[in-house]
Amino acid sequence: MTVVFTFNGLRQGYLRTLPIAVGVSVFGLVYGLVAGQKGLSLAETMLMSALVFAGAAQMLALEIWQEPVPVLALTVAVGVINLRYMMMTAVLRPWLAPVGPLKAYGSLFFTADENWAVGVAEMRRGNRDAAFYLGTGLALWSFWLLSGALGRIFGGLVSAPEVWGLDFVAVAVFLALLIPMWEGPGRNLLPWLAAGLTAWLLYDLLPGTWYLVAGGLAGSLLGALLGKHGEPSIEVRS
């Protein structure tokens, strides 16, 4: 198909994704609150949102954050959690490859799970305007940036976050993120146990927050090994 890249397509993508962006803003507020608890300034909070733009990865980075910042451990952990985007974005090749590297990679920078789903659905409907995908990403990015800033400002006004239970916010968010990932004990139990047990055993043995990275890698490797040797594959339904 002939692919175009127009401002009208960008506008349509932005408007289509606005309701989702508003919902994501709640998570952005939480991120801003946690960033404040970790000592990040408003500028640093917004800069991370603008350049990283990955909610789960940013929350993980804040969980690992300490002084001095463990740059290598943080980079590895965030890289592992974002590896899925390499496979996800490959689906968009028929849409983005014809528009050139600048527009294609510029659009892919704004990829998140939510706008990826919207974009893929629109591409499969036969939409020929690839700028639609950029619009979906810009909608999420702009609201994520704004909500993170608002959360950081609000968090800075709270002198004792533990009184309001805000010190538990990061843990609560990760627990909430785990729920939709659970596919039943037959597929999830052993990798999850391996991740938790590895992190627990290495907590006192590894410096800084490397125990978190080790736990994540152990769970991921076991999950991949089980999948390779006969575990049921995930069924995708349209």
Protein backbone atom coordinates (compact mmCIF):
# COMPACT_ATOMS: atom_id res chain seq x y z
CA MET A 1 0.00 0.00 0.00
CA THR A 2 1.04 3.62 -0.55
CA VAL A 3 1.92 5.17 2.80
CA VAL A 4 1.72 8.91 3.53
CA PHE A 5 2.75 11.00 6.54
CA THR A 6 0.52 14.05 7.09
CA PHE A 7 -0.41 16.51 9.82
CA ASN A 8 -4.02 15.40 9.53
CA GLY A 9 -3.01 11.84 10.33
CA LEU A 10 -1.02 13.06 13.34
CA ARG A 11 -4.01 15.05 14.58
CA GLN A 12 -6.35 12.08 14.21
CA GLY A 13 -3.97 9.84 16.14
CA TYR A 14 -3.64 12.39 18.92
CA LEU A 15 -7.39 12.84 19.30
CA ARG A 16 -8.08 9.11 19.12
CA THR A 17 -5.69 8.44 22.00
CA LEU A 18 -6.78 11.30 24.30
CA PRO A 19 -9.11 9.16 26.50
CA ILE A 20 -6.31 6.64 27.06
CA ALA A 21 -3.84 9.44 27.77
CA VAL A 22 -6.11 10.82 30.49
CA GLY A 23 -6.20 7.39 32.14
CA VAL A 24 -2.42 7.02 31.95
CA SER A 25 -2.11 10.39 33.71
CA VAL A 26 -3.08 8.71 37.00
CA PHE A 27 0.05 6.59 36.75
CA GLY A 28 2.00 9.72 35.85
CA LEU A 29 0.87 11.42 39.05
CA VAL A 30 2.13 8.44 41.04
CA TYR A 31 5.47 8.55 39.24
CA GLY A 32 5.83 12.23 40.12
CA LEU A 33 5.08 11.53 43.78
CA VAL A 34 7.68 8.77 43.98
CA ALA A 35 10.25 10.89 42.13
CA GLY A 36 9.84 13.56 44.78
CA GLN A 37 10.34 11.00 47.56
CA LYS A 38 13.57 9.90 45.89
CA GLY A 39 14.85 13.48 45.90
CA LEU A 40 14.50 14.31 42.21
CA SER A 41 13.82 17.94 41.40
CA LEU A 42 10.91 19.03 39.21
CA ALA A 43 13.29 19.51 36.27
CA GLU A 44 14.86 16.06 36.76
CA THR A 45 11.44 14.44 37.07
CA MET A 46 10.24 16.00 33.83
CA LEU A 47 13.52 15.26 32.03
CA MET A 48 13.25 11.56 32.85
CA SER A 49 9.67 11.49 31.59
CA ALA A 50 10.60 13.34 28.41
CA LEU A 51 13.63 11.19 27.53
CA VAL A 52 12.72 7.76 28.91
CA PHE A 53 8.92 7.80 28.52
CA ALA A 54 8.30 4.32 29.94
CA GLY A 55 6.17 4.11 33.06
CA ALA A 56 7.24 0.71 34.39
CA ALA A 57 10.89 1.37 33.54
CA GLN A 58 10.82 4.77 35.25
CA MET A 59 9.22 3.31 38.39
CA LEU A 60 11.84 0.55 38.44
CA ALA A 61 14.59 3.12 38.03
CA LEU A 62 13.24 5.05 41.01
CA GLU A 63 13.06 1.85 43.06
CA ILE A 64 16.76 1.25 42.34
CA TRP A 65 17.69 4.93 42.78
CA GLN A 66 20.12 5.72 45.57
CA GLU A 67 23.23 7.79 46.22
CA PRO A 68 25.50 7.30 44.42
CA VAL A 69 23.28 6.32 41.53
CA PRO A 70 24.02 2.70 40.42
CA VAL A 71 24.23 3.60 36.74
CA LEU A 72 25.14 0.15 35.39
CA ALA A 73 22.54 -1.77 37.42
CA LEU A 74 19.89 0.79 36.58
CA THR A 75 20.71 0.66 32.87
CA VAL A 76 20.63 -3.15 32.74
CA ALA A 77 17.34 -3.37 34.67
CA VAL A 78 15.61 -0.77 32.51
CA GLY A 79 17.00 -2.38 29.36
CA VAL A 80 15.61 -5.79 30.32
CA ILE A 81 12.15 -4.48 31.10
CA ASN A 82 11.99 -2.60 27.77
CA LEU A 83 13.27 -5.40 25.53
CA ARG A 84 9.69 -6.27 24.58
CA TYR A 85 9.46 -3.11 22.48
CA MET A 86 11.97 -4.50 19.99
CA MET A 87 9.53 -7.27 19.07
CA MET A 88 6.40 -5.16 19.38
CA THR A 89 7.54 -2.37 17.10
CA ALA A 90 8.65 -4.79 14.37
CA VAL A 91 4.94 -5.27 13.61
CA LEU A 92 4.78 -1.63 12.47
CA ARG A 93 7.39 -2.07 9.74
CA PRO A 94 4.88 -2.07 6.83
CA TRP A 95 3.59 1.30 8.07
CA LEU A 96 6.79 3.08 9.05
CA ALA A 97 9.48 1.68 6.77
CA PRO A 98 8.25 3.61 3.67
CA VAL A 99 8.38 7.03 5.40
CA GLY A 100 12.14 7.04 6.00
CA PRO A 101 14.35 6.60 9.08
CA LEU A 102 13.82 10.06 10.61
CA LYS A 103 10.02 9.87 10.67
CA ALA A 104 10.00 6.15 11.49
CA TYR A 105 12.40 6.23 14.43
CA GLY A 106 11.03 9.56 15.59
CA SER A 107 7.58 7.96 15.80
CA LEU A 108 8.90 4.82 17.49
CA PHE A 109 10.51 6.90 20.25
CA PHE A 110 7.00 7.63 21.54
CA THR A 111 6.00 3.96 21.73
CA ALA A 112 4.16 2.74 24.80
CA ASP A 113 2.00 -0.34 25.24
CA GLU A 114 -1.24 1.64 24.98
CA ASN A 115 -0.56 3.65 21.84
CA TRP A 116 1.11 0.65 20.18
CA ALA A 117 -2.16 -1.26 20.48
CA VAL A 118 -4.12 1.67 19.03
CA GLY A 119 -1.64 2.12 16.18
CA VAL A 120 -1.49 -1.55 15.19
CA ALA A 121 -5.28 -1.78 15.14
CA GLU A 122 -5.49 1.29 12.91
CA MET A 123 -2.80 0.01 10.55
CA ARG A 124 -4.65 -3.29 10.16
CA ARG A 125 -7.83 -1.40 9.32
CA GLY A 126 -6.01 -0.10 6.27
CA ASN A 127 -5.13 3.44 7.34
CA ARG A 128 -2.36 4.63 4.99
CA ASP A 129 -1.29 7.65 7.06
CA ALA A 130 1.68 6.58 9.23
CA ALA A 131 1.64 9.93 11.07
CA PHE A 132 -1.36 8.55 12.93
CA TYR A 133 1.06 6.51 15.03
CA LEU A 134 3.16 9.55 15.89
CA GLY A 135 -0.02 11.30 17.02
CA THR A 136 -0.94 8.46 19.35
CA GLY A 137 2.49 8.60 20.96
CA LEU A 138 2.50 12.37 21.33
CA ALA A 139 -0.85 12.22 23.13
CA LEU A 140 0.49 9.83 25.75
CA TRP A 141 3.84 11.62 25.99
CA SER A 142 2.34 15.07 26.56
CA PHE A 143 -0.07 13.89 29.26
CA TRP A 144 2.63 11.74 30.87
CA LEU A 145 4.95 14.73 31.05
CA LEU A 146 2.27 17.01 32.52
CA SER A 147 0.93 14.52 35.06
CA GLY A 148 4.44 13.64 36.26
CA ALA A 149 5.15 17.31 36.85
CA LEU A 150 1.89 17.76 38.75
CA GLY A 151 2.64 14.71 40.88
CA ARG A 152 6.10 16.03 41.70
CA ILE A 153 4.71 19.46 42.66
CA PHE A 154 2.04 17.91 44.87
CA GLY A 155 4.54 15.55 46.46
CA GLY A 156 6.79 18.48 47.29
CA LEU A 157 3.95 20.05 49.27
CA VAL A 158 3.55 16.97 51.48
CA SER A 159 6.04 17.19 54.34
CA ALA A 160 5.37 13.71 55.77
CA PRO A 161 4.39 11.32 52.95
CA GLU A 162 4.28 8.31 55.28
CA VAL A 163 1.34 9.86 57.15
CA TRP A 164 -0.71 9.69 53.94
CA GLY A 165 0.63 6.29 52.97
CA LEU A 166 2.51 7.77 50.03
CA ASP A 167 5.68 5.90 50.97
CA PHE A 168 3.89 2.70 49.87
CA VAL A 169 2.87 4.08 46.48
CA ALA A 170 5.73 2.54 44.48
CA VAL A 171 5.13 -0.93 45.95
CA ALA A 172 1.39 -0.65 45.31
CA VAL A 173 1.98 0.32 41.67
CA PHE A 174 4.23 -2.68 41.00
CA LEU A 175 1.72 -5.02 42.65
CA ALA A 176 -1.00 -3.58 40.41
CA LEU A 177 1.20 -4.05 37.33
CA LEU A 178 1.71 -7.72 38.19
CA ILE A 179 -2.00 -8.60 38.17
CA PRO A 180 -2.58 -8.50 34.38
CA MET A 181 0.70 -10.38 33.84
CA TRP A 182 -0.48 -13.40 35.81
CA GLU A 183 -1.51 -16.21 33.46
CA GLY A 184 -2.07 -18.88 36.07
CA PRO A 185 0.31 -21.07 38.10
CA GLY A 186 1.04 -23.40 35.19
CA ARG A 187 2.89 -20.70 33.29
CA ASN A 188 3.91 -18.08 35.83
CA LEU A 189 4.58 -19.73 39.15
CA LEU A 190 8.09 -21.15 38.65
CA PRO A 191 9.60 -18.05 36.93
CA TRP A 192 8.06 -15.76 39.54
CA LEU A 193 9.35 -17.94 42.38
CA ALA A 194 12.79 -18.08 40.78
CA ALA A 195 12.91 -14.29 40.47
CA GLY A 196 11.80 -13.71 44.05
CA LEU A 197 14.02 -16.41 45.55
CA THR A 198 17.11 -15.28 43.62
CA ALA A 199 16.62 -11.66 44.69
CA TRP A 200 16.10 -12.71 48.31
CA LEU A 201 19.17 -14.97 48.41
CA LEU A 202 21.42 -12.34 46.82
CA TYR A 203 20.12 -9.37 48.81
CA ASP A 204 23.01 -9.48 51.30
CA LEU A 205 25.59 -10.81 48.84
CA LEU A 206 25.46 -8.26 46.01
CA PRO A 207 26.21 -4.55 46.35
CA GLY A 208 23.54 -1.91 45.85
CA THR A 209 20.45 -3.07 43.97
CA TRP A 210 22.06 -5.75 41.79
CA TYR A 211 19.91 -8.34 43.58
CA LEU A 212 16.90 -6.91 41.74
CA VAL A 213 18.61 -7.25 38.39
CA ALA A 214 19.71 -10.80 39.21
CA GLY A 215 16.19 -11.77 40.24
CA GLY A 216 14.69 -10.34 37.08
CA LEU A 217 17.22 -12.13 34.87
CA ALA A 218 16.70 -15.45 36.68
CA GLY A 219 12.94 -15.28 36.26
CA SER A 220 13.20 -14.25 32.61
CA LEU A 221 15.68 -17.01 31.73
CA LEU A 222 13.60 -19.70 33.43
CA GLY A 223 10.45 -18.43 31.73
CA ALA A 224 12.18 -18.56 28.34
CA LEU A 225 13.52 -22.06 29.06
CA LEU A 226 10.09 -23.39 30.06
CA GLY A 227 8.52 -21.83 26.98
CA LYS A 228 11.10 -23.47 24.74
CA HIS A 229 10.47 -26.92 26.18
CA GLY A 230 6.77 -27.35 25.72
CA GLU A 231 5.00 -24.78 27.86
CA PRO A 232 1.73 -23.70 26.24
CA SER A 233 2.06 -20.62 24.06
CA ILE A 234 0.00 -17.51 24.63
CA GLU A 235 -3.11 -17.44 22.50
CA VAL A 236 -3.81 -14.10 20.87
CA ARG A 237 -7.40 -13.42 19.98
CA SER A 238 -8.60 -10.62 17.78
